[in-house]
């Protein structure tokens, strides 16, 4: 599965994300802006205090690591694992 599909699957599994956030992330994915899409996803989850599963956290972390992004992007999500 490619990064685009992986991020899209995570977003589809998070019903608490706002329609605007989903639309913005999907627009970024259309333009292959995976890093910015992941940043937007993480920021939205933190800003809106959205709980995530451990599996979702691991998926987000794995995607970030594949793209060699700073771990600080997803580390704060640890507080939202339920």
PDB file of N, CA and C in Angstrom:
ATOM      1  N   UNK A   1       0.848  -1.181   0.000  1.00  0.00           N
ATOM      2  CA  UNK A   1       0.000   0.000   0.000  1.00  0.00           C
ATOM      3  C   UNK A   1       0.894   1.246   0.000  1.00  0.00           C
ATOM      4  N   UNK A   2       0.572   2.208  -0.832  1.00  0.00           N
ATOM      5  CA  UNK A   2       1.391   3.418  -0.908  1.00  0.00           C
ATOM      6  C   UNK A   2       0.998   4.413   0.183  1.00  0.00           C
ATOM      7  N   UNK A   3       1.830   5.428   0.354  1.00  0.00           N
ATOM      8  CA  UNK A   3       1.607   6.420   1.408  1.00  0.00           C
ATOM      9  C   UNK A   3       0.263   7.117   1.260  1.00  0.00           C
ATOM     10  N   UNK A   4      -0.100   7.433   0.037  1.00  0.00           N
ATOM     11  CA  UNK A   4      -1.373   8.098  -0.220  1.00  0.00           C
ATOM     12  C   UNK A   4      -2.527   7.268   0.342  1.00  0.00           C
ATOM     13  N   UNK A   5      -2.551   5.993   0.004  1.00  0.00           N
ATOM     14  CA  UNK A   5      -3.614   5.097   0.464  1.00  0.00           C
ATOM     15  C   UNK A   5      -3.581   4.907   1.972  1.00  0.00           C
ATOM     16  N   UNK A   6      -2.381   4.821   2.534  1.00  0.00           N
ATOM     17  CA  UNK A   6      -2.259   4.635   3.980  1.00  0.00           C
ATOM     18  C   UNK A   6      -2.840   5.827   4.743  1.00  0.00           C
ATOM     19  N   UNK A   7      -2.493   7.022   4.317  1.00  0.00           N
ATOM     20  CA  UNK A   7      -3.008   8.219   4.991  1.00  0.00           C
ATOM     21  C   UNK A   7      -4.518   8.312   4.800  1.00  0.00           C
ATOM     22  N   UNK A   8      -4.971   8.039   3.587  1.00  0.00           N
ATOM     23  CA  UNK A   8      -6.413   8.094   3.298  1.00  0.00           C
ATOM     24  C   UNK A   8      -7.177   7.102   4.181  1.00  0.00           C
ATOM     25  N   UNK A   9      -6.640   5.900   4.370  1.00  0.00           N
ATOM     26  CA  UNK A   9      -7.294   4.900   5.216  1.00  0.00           C
ATOM     27  C   UNK A   9      -7.385   5.364   6.668  1.00  0.00           C
ATOM     28  N   UNK A  10      -6.340   6.007   7.156  1.00  0.00           N
ATOM     29  CA  UNK A  10      -6.364   6.519   8.526  1.00  0.00           C
ATOM     30  C   UNK A  10      -7.452   7.576   8.656  1.00  0.00           C
ATOM     31  N   UNK A  11      -7.475   8.507   7.714  1.00  0.00           N
ATOM     32  CA  UNK A  11      -8.458   9.596   7.752  1.00  0.00           C
ATOM     33  C   UNK A  11      -9.879   9.033   7.703  1.00  0.00           C
ATOM     34  N   UNK A  12     -10.106   8.049   6.852  1.00  0.00           N
ATOM     35  CA  UNK A  12     -11.441   7.456   6.727  1.00  0.00           C
ATOM     36  C   UNK A  12     -11.883   6.760   8.008  1.00  0.00           C
ATOM     37  N   UNK A  13     -10.920   6.321   8.824  1.00  0.00           N
ATOM     38  CA  UNK A  13     -11.237   5.640  10.070  1.00  0.00           C
ATOM     39  C   UNK A  13     -11.433   6.565  11.253  1.00  0.00           C
ATOM     40  N   UNK A  14     -11.374   7.872  11.021  1.00  0.00           N
ATOM     41  CA  UNK A  14     -11.495   8.847  12.108  1.00  0.00           C
ATOM     42  C   UNK A  14     -12.726   9.713  11.887  1.00  0.00           C
ATOM     43  N   UNK A  15     -13.833   9.256  12.423  1.00  0.00           N
ATOM     44  CA  UNK A  15     -15.106   9.950  12.202  1.00  0.00           C
ATOM     45  C   UNK A  15     -15.184  11.303  12.903  1.00  0.00           C
ATOM     46  N   UNK A  16     -14.312  11.553  13.875  1.00  0.00           N
ATOM     47  CA  UNK A  16     -14.371  12.816  14.613  1.00  0.00           C
ATOM     48  C   UNK A  16     -13.666  13.971  13.897  1.00  0.00           C
ATOM     49  N   UNK A  17     -12.921  13.683  12.836  1.00  0.00           N
ATOM     50  CA  UNK A  17     -12.285  14.766  12.078  1.00  0.00           C
ATOM     51  C   UNK A  17     -13.363  15.619  11.418  1.00  0.00           C
ATOM     52  N   UNK A  18     -13.130  16.913  11.375  1.00  0.00           N
ATOM     53  CA  UNK A  18     -14.107  17.796  10.732  1.00  0.00           C
ATOM     54  C   UNK A  18     -14.098  17.580   9.218  1.00  0.00           C
ATOM     55  N   UNK A  19     -15.204  17.926   8.594  1.00  0.00           N
ATOM     56  CA  UNK A  19     -15.291  17.815   7.132  1.00  0.00           C
ATOM     57  C   UNK A  19     -14.241  18.686   6.465  1.00  0.00           C
ATOM     58  N   UNK A  20     -13.977  19.849   7.038  1.00  0.00           N
ATOM     59  CA  UNK A  20     -12.958  20.745   6.472  1.00  0.00           C
ATOM     60  C   UNK A  20     -11.574  20.121   6.535  1.00  0.00           C
ATOM     61  N   UNK A  21     -11.252  19.466   7.659  1.00  0.00           N
ATOM     62  CA  UNK A  21      -9.951  18.809   7.778  1.00  0.00           C
ATOM     63  C   UNK A  21      -9.834  17.652   6.796  1.00  0.00           C
ATOM     64  N   UNK A  22     -10.882  16.861   6.691  1.00  0.00           N
ATOM     65  CA  UNK A  22     -10.871  15.737   5.753  1.00  0.00           C
ATOM     66  C   UNK A  22     -10.683  16.243   4.330  1.00  0.00           C
ATOM     67  N   UNK A  23     -11.395  17.293   3.980  1.00  0.00           N
ATOM     68  CA  UNK A  23     -11.286  17.866   2.635  1.00  0.00           C
ATOM     69  C   UNK A  23      -9.877  18.397   2.388  1.00  0.00           C
ATOM     70  N   UNK A  24      -9.307  19.095   3.360  1.00  0.00           N
ATOM     71  CA  UNK A  24      -7.960  19.652   3.205  1.00  0.00           C
ATOM     72  C   UNK A  24      -6.926  18.543   3.051  1.00  0.00           C
ATOM     73  N   UNK A  25      -7.037  17.504   3.863  1.00  0.00           N
ATOM     74  CA  UNK A  25      -6.088  16.388   3.785  1.00  0.00           C
ATOM     75  C   UNK A  25      -6.220  15.682   2.445  1.00  0.00           C
ATOM     76  N   UNK A  26      -7.445  15.420   2.013  1.00  0.00           N
ATOM     77  CA  UNK A  26      -7.648  14.753   0.720  1.00  0.00           C
ATOM     78  C   UNK A  26      -7.114  15.591  -0.434  1.00  0.00           C
ATOM     79  N   UNK A  27      -7.267  16.903  -0.355  1.00  0.00           N
ATOM     80  CA  UNK A  27      -6.734  17.790  -1.400  1.00  0.00           C
ATOM     81  C   UNK A  27      -5.209  17.698  -1.445  1.00  0.00           C
ATOM     82  N   UNK A  28      -4.583  17.641  -0.292  1.00  0.00           N
ATOM     83  CA  UNK A  28      -3.123  17.495  -0.245  1.00  0.00           C
ATOM     84  C   UNK A  28      -2.701  16.153  -0.838  1.00  0.00           C
ATOM     85  N   UNK A  29      -3.460  15.108  -0.553  1.00  0.00           N
ATOM     86  CA  UNK A  29      -3.133  13.783  -1.084  1.00  0.00           C
ATOM     87  C   UNK A  29      -3.262  13.738  -2.601  1.00  0.00           C
ATOM     88  N   UNK A  30      -4.252  14.446  -3.147  1.00  0.00           N
ATOM     89  CA  UNK A  30      -4.429  14.510  -4.603  1.00  0.00           C
ATOM     90  C   UNK A  30      -3.163  15.050  -5.264  1.00  0.00           C
ATOM     91  N   UNK A  31      -2.495  15.966  -4.570  1.00  0.00           N
ATOM     92  CA  UNK A  31      -1.286  16.586  -5.113  1.00  0.00           C
ATOM     93  C   UNK A  31      -0.008  15.936  -4.583  1.00  0.00           C
ATOM     94  N   UNK A  32      -0.149  14.715  -4.041  1.00  0.00           N
ATOM     95  CA  UNK A  32       0.991  13.942  -3.523  1.00  0.00           C
ATOM     96  C   UNK A  32       1.798  14.689  -2.473  1.00  0.00           C
ATOM     97  N   UNK A  33       1.126  15.492  -1.674  1.00  0.00           N
ATOM     98  CA  UNK A  33       1.757  16.224  -0.568  1.00  0.00           C
ATOM     99  C   UNK A  33       1.566  15.419   0.717  1.00  0.00           C
ATOM    100  N   UNK A  34       2.168  14.222   0.755  1.00  0.00           N
ATOM    101  CA  UNK A  34       1.945  13.301   1.860  1.00  0.00           C
ATOM    102  C   UNK A  34       2.437  13.854   3.192  1.00  0.00           C
ATOM    103  N   UNK A  35       3.593  14.473   3.190  1.00  0.00           N
ATOM    104  CA  UNK A  35       4.136  15.025   4.426  1.00  0.00           C
ATOM    105  C   UNK A  35       3.254  16.113   5.004  1.00  0.00           C
ATOM    106  N   UNK A  36       2.809  17.017   4.163  1.00  0.00           N
ATOM    107  CA  UNK A  36       1.939  18.105   4.619  1.00  0.00           C
ATOM    108  C   UNK A  36       0.594  17.527   5.074  1.00  0.00           C
ATOM    109  N   UNK A  37       0.108  16.511   4.372  1.00  0.00           N
ATOM    110  CA  UNK A  37      -1.153  15.867   4.761  1.00  0.00           C
ATOM    111  C   UNK A  37      -1.022  15.224   6.141  1.00  0.00           C
ATOM    112  N   UNK A  38       0.104  14.562   6.390  1.00  0.00           N
ATOM    113  CA  UNK A  38       0.321  13.942   7.696  1.00  0.00           C
ATOM    114  C   UNK A  38       0.449  15.007   8.783  1.00  0.00           C
ATOM    115  N   UNK A  39       1.139  16.093   8.476  1.00  0.00           N
ATOM    116  CA  UNK A  39       1.248  17.204   9.430  1.00  0.00           C
ATOM    117  C   UNK A  39      -0.133  17.765   9.755  1.00  0.00           C
ATOM    118  N   UNK A  40      -0.947  17.954   8.730  1.00  0.00           N
ATOM    119  CA  UNK A  40      -2.303  18.489   8.934  1.00  0.00           C
ATOM    120  C   UNK A  40      -3.125  17.524   9.788  1.00  0.00           C
ATOM    121  N   UNK A  41      -3.024  16.238   9.498  1.00  0.00           N
ATOM    122  CA  UNK A  41      -3.757  15.234  10.260  1.00  0.00           C
ATOM    123  C   UNK A  41      -3.365  15.281  11.732  1.00  0.00           C
ATOM    124  N   UNK A  42      -2.075  15.245  12.008  1.00  0.00           N
ATOM    125  CA  UNK A  42      -1.604  15.258  13.399  1.00  0.00           C
ATOM    126  C   UNK A  42      -2.022  16.536  14.113  1.00  0.00           C
ATOM    127  N   UNK A  43      -1.864  17.663  13.452  1.00  0.00           N
ATOM    128  CA  UNK A  43      -2.237  18.947  14.059  1.00  0.00           C
ATOM    129  C   UNK A  43      -3.735  18.990  14.356  1.00  0.00           C
ATOM    130  N   UNK A  44      -4.539  18.470  13.456  1.00  0.00           N
ATOM    131  CA  UNK A  44      -5.994  18.459  13.650  1.00  0.00           C
ATOM    132  C   UNK A  44      -6.387  17.570  14.825  1.00  0.00           C
ATOM    133  N   UNK A  45      -5.755  16.416  14.928  1.00  0.00           N
ATOM    134  CA  UNK A  45      -6.057  15.504  16.031  1.00  0.00           C
ATOM    135  C   UNK A  45      -5.732  16.150  17.374  1.00  0.00           C
ATOM    136  N   UNK A  46      -4.582  16.815  17.429  1.00  0.00           N
ATOM    137  CA  UNK A  46      -4.155  17.467  18.670  1.00  0.00           C
ATOM    138  C   UNK A  46      -5.045  18.665  18.979  1.00  0.00           C
ATOM    139  N   UNK A  47      -5.248  19.505  17.984  1.00  0.00           N
ATOM    140  CA  UNK A  47      -6.032  20.733  18.173  1.00  0.00           C
ATOM    141  C   UNK A  47      -7.465  20.442  18.621  1.00  0.00           C
ATOM    142  N   UNK A  48      -8.047  19.388  18.058  1.00  0.00           N
ATOM    143  CA  UNK A  48      -9.439  19.058  18.362  1.00  0.00           C
ATOM    144  C   UNK A  48      -9.572  18.003  19.461  1.00  0.00           C
ATOM    145  N   UNK A  49      -8.426  17.626  20.083  1.00  0.00           N
ATOM    146  CA  UNK A  49      -8.429  16.633  21.173  1.00  0.00           C
ATOM    147  C   UNK A  49      -9.153  15.351  20.777  1.00  0.00           C
ATOM    148  N   UNK A  50      -8.790  14.807  19.629  1.00  0.00           N
ATOM    149  CA  UNK A  50      -9.440  13.602  19.119  1.00  0.00           C
ATOM    150  C   UNK A  50      -8.650  12.379  19.575  1.00  0.00           C
ATOM    151  N   UNK A  51      -9.344  11.467  20.255  1.00  0.00           N
ATOM    152  CA  UNK A  51      -8.707  10.231  20.698  1.00  0.00           C
ATOM    153  C   UNK A  51      -8.462   9.311  19.509  1.00  0.00           C
ATOM    154  N   UNK A  52      -7.369   8.555  19.607  1.00  0.00           N
ATOM    155  CA  UNK A  52      -7.012   7.602  18.560  1.00  0.00           C
ATOM    156  C   UNK A  52      -6.699   6.262  19.214  1.00  0.00           C
ATOM    157  N   UNK A  53      -6.740   5.218  18.413  1.00  0.00           N
ATOM    158  CA  UNK A  53      -6.377   3.894  18.915  1.00  0.00           C
ATOM    159  C   UNK A  53      -4.862   3.737  18.842  1.00  0.00           C
ATOM    160  N   UNK A  54      -4.362   2.761  19.561  1.00  0.00           N
ATOM    161  CA  UNK A  54      -2.934   2.471  19.498  1.00  0.00           C
ATOM    162  C   UNK A  54      -2.545   2.085  18.072  1.00  0.00           C
ATOM    163  N   UNK A  55      -3.415   1.360  17.392  1.00  0.00           N
ATOM    164  CA  UNK A  55      -3.138   0.946  16.012  1.00  0.00           C
ATOM    165  C   UNK A  55      -3.027   2.157  15.088  1.00  0.00           C
ATOM    166  N   UNK A  56      -3.918   3.136  15.270  1.00  0.00           N
ATOM    167  CA  UNK A  56      -3.853   4.351  14.451  1.00  0.00           C
ATOM    168  C   UNK A  56      -2.558   5.115  14.731  1.00  0.00           C
ATOM    169  N   UNK A  57      -2.178   5.174  16.006  1.00  0.00           N
ATOM    170  CA  UNK A  57      -0.927   5.845  16.357  1.00  0.00           C
ATOM    171  C   UNK A  57       0.253   5.167  15.672  1.00  0.00           C
ATOM    172  N   UNK A  58       0.294   3.847  15.725  1.00  0.00           N
ATOM    173  CA  UNK A  58       1.392   3.099  15.106  1.00  0.00           C
ATOM    174  C   UNK A  58       1.428   3.347  13.603  1.00  0.00           C
ATOM    175  N   UNK A  59       0.268   3.372  12.961  1.00  0.00           N
ATOM    176  CA  UNK A  59       0.212   3.647  11.518  1.00  0.00           C
ATOM    177  C   UNK A  59       0.761   5.039  11.209  1.00  0.00           C
ATOM    178  N   UNK A  60       0.336   6.035  11.987  1.00  0.00           N
ATOM    179  CA  UNK A  60       0.812   7.404  11.782  1.00  0.00           C
ATOM    180  C   UNK A  60       2.323   7.464  11.976  1.00  0.00           C
ATOM    181  N   UNK A  61       2.814   6.846  13.047  1.00  0.00           N
ATOM    182  CA  UNK A  61       4.256   6.833  13.316  1.00  0.00           C
ATOM    183  C   UNK A  61       5.019   6.153  12.180  1.00  0.00           C
ATOM    184  N   UNK A  62       4.530   5.011  11.724  1.00  0.00           N
ATOM    185  CA  UNK A  62       5.212   4.283  10.651  1.00  0.00           C
ATOM    186  C   UNK A  62       5.277   5.099   9.363  1.00  0.00           C
ATOM    187  N   UNK A  63       4.199   5.789   9.036  1.00  0.00           N
ATOM    188  CA  UNK A  63       4.189   6.636   7.839  1.00  0.00           C
ATOM    189  C   UNK A  63       5.202   7.762   7.998  1.00  0.00           C
ATOM    190  N   UNK A  64       5.184   8.410   9.160  1.00  0.00           N
ATOM    191  CA  UNK A  64       6.140   9.487   9.421  1.00  0.00           C
ATOM    192  C   UNK A  64       7.578   9.014   9.334  1.00  0.00           C
ATOM    193  N   UNK A  65       7.851   7.828   9.873  1.00  0.00           N
ATOM    194  CA  UNK A  65       9.207   7.281   9.821  1.00  0.00           C
ATOM    195  C   UNK A  65       9.614   6.948   8.390  1.00  0.00           C
ATOM    196  N   UNK A  66       8.682   6.415   7.597  1.00  0.00           N
ATOM    197  CA  UNK A  66       8.981   6.124   6.189  1.00  0.00           C
ATOM    198  C   UNK A  66       9.399   7.386   5.445  1.00  0.00           C
ATOM    199  N   UNK A  67       8.756   8.508   5.799  1.00  0.00           N
ATOM    200  CA  UNK A  67       9.051   9.776   5.131  1.00  0.00           C
ATOM    201  C   UNK A  67      10.191  10.531   5.818  1.00  0.00           C
ATOM    202  N   UNK A  68      10.765   9.902   6.860  1.00  0.00           N
ATOM    203  CA  UNK A  68      11.888  10.498   7.593  1.00  0.00           C
ATOM    204  C   UNK A  68      11.535  11.873   8.165  1.00  0.00           C
ATOM    205  N   UNK A  69      10.319  11.954   8.711  1.00  0.00           N
ATOM    206  CA  UNK A  69       9.856  13.201   9.327  1.00  0.00           C
ATOM    207  C   UNK A  69      10.275  13.220  10.792  1.00  0.00           C
ATOM    208  N   UNK A  70      10.269  14.402  11.380  1.00  0.00           N
ATOM    209  CA  UNK A  70      10.619  14.555  12.790  1.00  0.00           C
ATOM    210  C   UNK A  70       9.585  13.835  13.659  1.00  0.00           C
ATOM    211  N   UNK A  71      10.064  13.064  14.618  1.00  0.00           N
ATOM    212  CA  UNK A  71       9.154  12.307  15.479  1.00  0.00           C
ATOM    213  C   UNK A  71       8.282  13.209  16.349  1.00  0.00           C
ATOM    214  N   UNK A  72       8.700  14.449  16.533  1.00  0.00           N
ATOM    215  CA  UNK A  72       7.894  15.381  17.331  1.00  0.00           C
ATOM    216  C   UNK A  72       6.516  15.593  16.702  1.00  0.00           C
ATOM    217  N   UNK A  73       6.398  15.302  15.409  1.00  0.00           N
ATOM    218  CA  UNK A  73       5.119  15.455  14.703  1.00  0.00           C
ATOM    219  C   UNK A  73       4.040  14.569  15.322  1.00  0.00           C
ATOM    220  N   UNK A  74       4.392  13.343  15.672  1.00  0.00           N
ATOM    221  CA  UNK A  74       3.399  12.400  16.188  1.00  0.00           C
ATOM    222  C   UNK A  74       3.558  12.074  17.673  1.00  0.00           C
ATOM    223  N   UNK A  75       4.658  12.467  18.301  1.00  0.00           N
ATOM    224  CA  UNK A  75       4.881  12.096  19.700  1.00  0.00           C
ATOM    225  C   UNK A  75       3.771  12.575  20.631  1.00  0.00           C
ATOM    226  N   UNK A  76       3.261  13.776  20.411  1.00  0.00           N
ATOM    227  CA  UNK A  76       2.210  14.314  21.278  1.00  0.00           C
ATOM    228  C   UNK A  76       0.911  13.511  21.172  1.00  0.00           C
ATOM    229  N   UNK A  77       0.759  12.771  20.081  1.00  0.00           N
ATOM    230  CA  UNK A  77      -0.442  11.952  19.917  1.00  0.00           C
ATOM    231  C   UNK A  77      -0.519  10.836  20.957  1.00  0.00           C
ATOM    232  N   UNK A  78       0.612  10.522  21.611  1.00  0.00           N
ATOM    233  CA  UNK A  78       0.611   9.521  22.687  1.00  0.00           C
ATOM    234  C   UNK A  78      -0.442   9.829  23.738  1.00  0.00           C
ATOM    235  N   UNK A  79      -0.677  11.109  23.987  1.00  0.00           N
ATOM    236  CA  UNK A  79      -1.631  11.524  25.016  1.00  0.00           C
ATOM    237  C   UNK A  79      -3.083  11.299  24.603  1.00  0.00           C
ATOM    238  N   UNK A  80      -3.298  10.998  23.332  1.00  0.00           N
ATOM    239  CA  UNK A  80      -4.663  10.838  22.825  1.00  0.00           C
ATOM    240  C   UNK A  80      -5.021   9.383  22.532  1.00  0.00           C
ATOM    241  N   UNK A  81      -4.118   8.468  22.872  1.00  0.00           N
ATOM    242  CA  UNK A  81      -4.386   7.046  22.651  1.00  0.00           C
ATOM    243  C   UNK A  81      -5.368   6.560  23.712  1.00  0.00           C
ATOM    244  N   UNK A  82      -6.435   5.941  23.252  1.00  0.00           N
ATOM    245  CA  UNK A  82      -7.455   5.406  24.173  1.00  0.00           C
ATOM    246  C   UNK A  82      -7.774   3.976  23.835  1.00  0.00           C
TER     247      UNK A  82
END
